Amino acid sequence: MARFKYLGEKLRPGLVKVYGPCTQINVPKKDGTSSHFTPVPPSTQFVIGEDIGYDVTDSRSIRYMQVDTRFEQIAP
């Protein structure tokens, strides 16, 4: 089980001027399906620098989020 915080999108100058709010995160799972994380109410979007609010237990999902620059692991 692991917890992650959302760090925001990687800046890509010339391609994107302003990112919109992040309202859903899709992460692949070991069985070939995907986990769909949405902000925990009352929030309507993921806040940069804050915990996403979910315990991630799937081993492939954890590895995916560990290498994705949008996330930082905060608990093992």
C-alpha atoms as a PDB file:
ATOM      1  CA  MET A   1       0.000   0.000   0.000  1.00  0.00           C
ATOM      2  CA  ALA A   2       1.328   3.463  -0.886  1.00  0.00           C
ATOM      3  CA  ARG A   3       0.148   7.086  -0.785  1.00  0.00           C
ATOM      4  CA  PHE A   4       1.064   9.753  -3.314  1.00  0.00           C
ATOM      5  CA  LYS A   5       0.756  13.491  -3.667  1.00  0.00           C
ATOM      6  CA  TYR A   6      -0.014  15.287  -6.903  1.00  0.00           C
ATOM      7  CA  LEU A   7       2.814  17.528  -8.176  1.00  0.00           C
ATOM      8  CA  GLY A   8       1.108  18.900 -11.276  1.00  0.00           C
ATOM      9  CA  GLU A   9       1.830  18.493 -14.960  1.00  0.00           C
ATOM     10  CA  LYS A  10       5.342  18.709 -16.382  1.00  0.00           C
ATOM     11  CA  LEU A  11       5.874  22.037 -18.137  1.00  0.00           C
ATOM     12  CA  ARG A  12       6.131  21.729 -21.922  1.00  0.00           C
ATOM     13  CA  PRO A  13       6.958  25.199 -23.277  1.00  0.00           C
ATOM     14  CA  GLY A  14       5.608  25.830 -26.746  1.00  0.00           C
ATOM     15  CA  LEU A  15       3.016  23.071 -26.503  1.00  0.00           C
ATOM     16  CA  VAL A  16       0.807  24.048 -23.576  1.00  0.00           C
ATOM     17  CA  LYS A  17       0.462  27.570 -22.200  1.00  0.00           C
ATOM     18  CA  VAL A  18      -1.869  26.815 -19.278  1.00  0.00           C
ATOM     19  CA  TYR A  19      -3.061  23.477 -17.953  1.00  0.00           C
ATOM     20  CA  GLY A  20      -6.664  23.114 -16.827  1.00  0.00           C
ATOM     21  CA  PRO A  21      -7.646  21.541 -13.517  1.00  0.00           C
ATOM     22  CA  CYS A  22      -6.874  17.840 -13.022  1.00  0.00           C
ATOM     23  CA  THR A  23     -10.229  16.181 -12.327  1.00  0.00           C
ATOM     24  CA  GLN A  24      -9.378  12.493 -12.895  1.00  0.00           C
ATOM     25  CA  ILE A  25      -6.244  10.329 -12.796  1.00  0.00           C
ATOM     26  CA  ASN A  26      -6.141   7.018 -14.688  1.00  0.00           C
ATOM     27  CA  VAL A  27      -3.509   4.493 -13.600  1.00  0.00           C
ATOM     28  CA  PRO A  28      -2.969   1.029 -15.156  1.00  0.00           C
ATOM     29  CA  LYS A  29      -3.358  -2.066 -12.967  1.00  0.00           C
ATOM     30  CA  LYS A  30      -1.661  -5.461 -13.120  1.00  0.00           C
ATOM     31  CA  ASP A  31      -4.801  -7.189 -14.455  1.00  0.00           C
ATOM     32  CA  GLY A  32      -4.904  -4.922 -17.537  1.00  0.00           C
ATOM     33  CA  THR A  33      -7.654  -2.607 -16.334  1.00  0.00           C
ATOM     34  CA  SER A  34      -7.219   0.922 -15.000  1.00  0.00           C
ATOM     35  CA  SER A  35      -7.907   2.627 -11.705  1.00  0.00           C
ATOM     36  CA  HIS A  36      -9.813   5.896 -12.039  1.00  0.00           C
ATOM     37  CA  PHE A  37      -9.096   8.308  -9.189  1.00  0.00           C
ATOM     38  CA  THR A  38     -11.246  11.415  -8.732  1.00  0.00           C
ATOM     39  CA  PRO A  39     -10.781  14.170  -6.126  1.00  0.00           C
ATOM     40  CA  VAL A  40     -12.181  13.428  -2.696  1.00  0.00           C
ATOM     41  CA  PRO A  41     -15.236  15.648  -2.048  1.00  0.00           C
ATOM     42  CA  PRO A  42     -15.695  18.522  -1.377  1.00  0.00           C
ATOM     43  CA  SER A  43     -12.760  19.231  -3.715  1.00  0.00           C
ATOM     44  CA  THR A  44     -13.503  19.302  -7.459  1.00  0.00           C
ATOM     45  CA  GLN A  45      -9.877  18.990  -8.621  1.00  0.00           C
ATOM     46  CA  PHE A  46      -6.547  17.598  -7.451  1.00  0.00           C
ATOM     47  CA  VAL A  47      -4.541  20.299  -5.687  1.00  0.00           C
ATOM     48  CA  ILE A  48      -0.850  20.560  -6.544  1.00  0.00           C
ATOM     49  CA  GLY A  49       1.306  19.498  -3.594  1.00  0.00           C
ATOM     50  CA  GLU A  50      -1.437  17.664  -1.710  1.00  0.00           C
ATOM     51  CA  ASP A  51      -2.215  13.996  -1.082  1.00  0.00           C
ATOM     52  CA  ILE A  52      -4.487  12.503  -3.768  1.00  0.00           C
ATOM     53  CA  GLY A  53      -6.524  10.839  -1.009  1.00  0.00           C
ATOM     54  CA  TYR A  54      -6.244   7.186  -2.085  1.00  0.00           C
ATOM     55  CA  ASP A  55      -4.265   4.153  -0.882  1.00  0.00           C
ATOM     56  CA  VAL A  56      -2.725   2.506  -3.940  1.00  0.00           C
ATOM     57  CA  THR A  57      -2.325  -1.255  -3.455  1.00  0.00           C
ATOM     58  CA  ASP A  58      -1.765  -2.699  -6.948  1.00  0.00           C
ATOM     59  CA  SER A  59       1.962  -3.347  -7.590  1.00  0.00           C
ATOM     60  CA  ARG A  60       1.881  -2.138 -11.208  1.00  0.00           C
ATOM     61  CA  SER A  61      -0.007   1.010 -10.226  1.00  0.00           C
ATOM     62  CA  ILE A  62       2.580   1.778  -7.544  1.00  0.00           C
ATOM     63  CA  ARG A  63       5.481   1.354  -9.990  1.00  0.00           C
ATOM     64  CA  TYR A  64       3.678   3.496 -12.588  1.00  0.00           C
ATOM     65  CA  MET A  65       3.110   6.312 -10.117  1.00  0.00           C
ATOM     66  CA  GLN A  66       6.676   6.116  -8.751  1.00  0.00           C
ATOM     67  CA  VAL A  67       8.151   6.919 -12.187  1.00  0.00           C
ATOM     68  CA  ASP A  68       5.478   9.425 -13.284  1.00  0.00           C
ATOM     69  CA  THR A  69       6.720  12.997 -12.684  1.00  0.00           C
ATOM     70  CA  ARG A  70       3.185  14.103 -11.730  1.00  0.00           C
ATOM     71  CA  PHE A  71       3.364  12.167  -8.451  1.00  0.00           C
ATOM     72  CA  GLU A  72       5.593  11.834  -5.396  1.00  0.00           C
ATOM     73  CA  GLN A  73       5.307   8.938  -2.974  1.00  0.00           C
ATOM     74  CA  ILE A  74       4.647  10.126   0.577  1.00  0.00           C
ATOM     75  CA  ALA A  75       4.104   6.796   2.349  1.00  0.00           C
ATOM     76  CA  PRO A  76       5.383   3.300   1.493  1.00  0.00           C
END
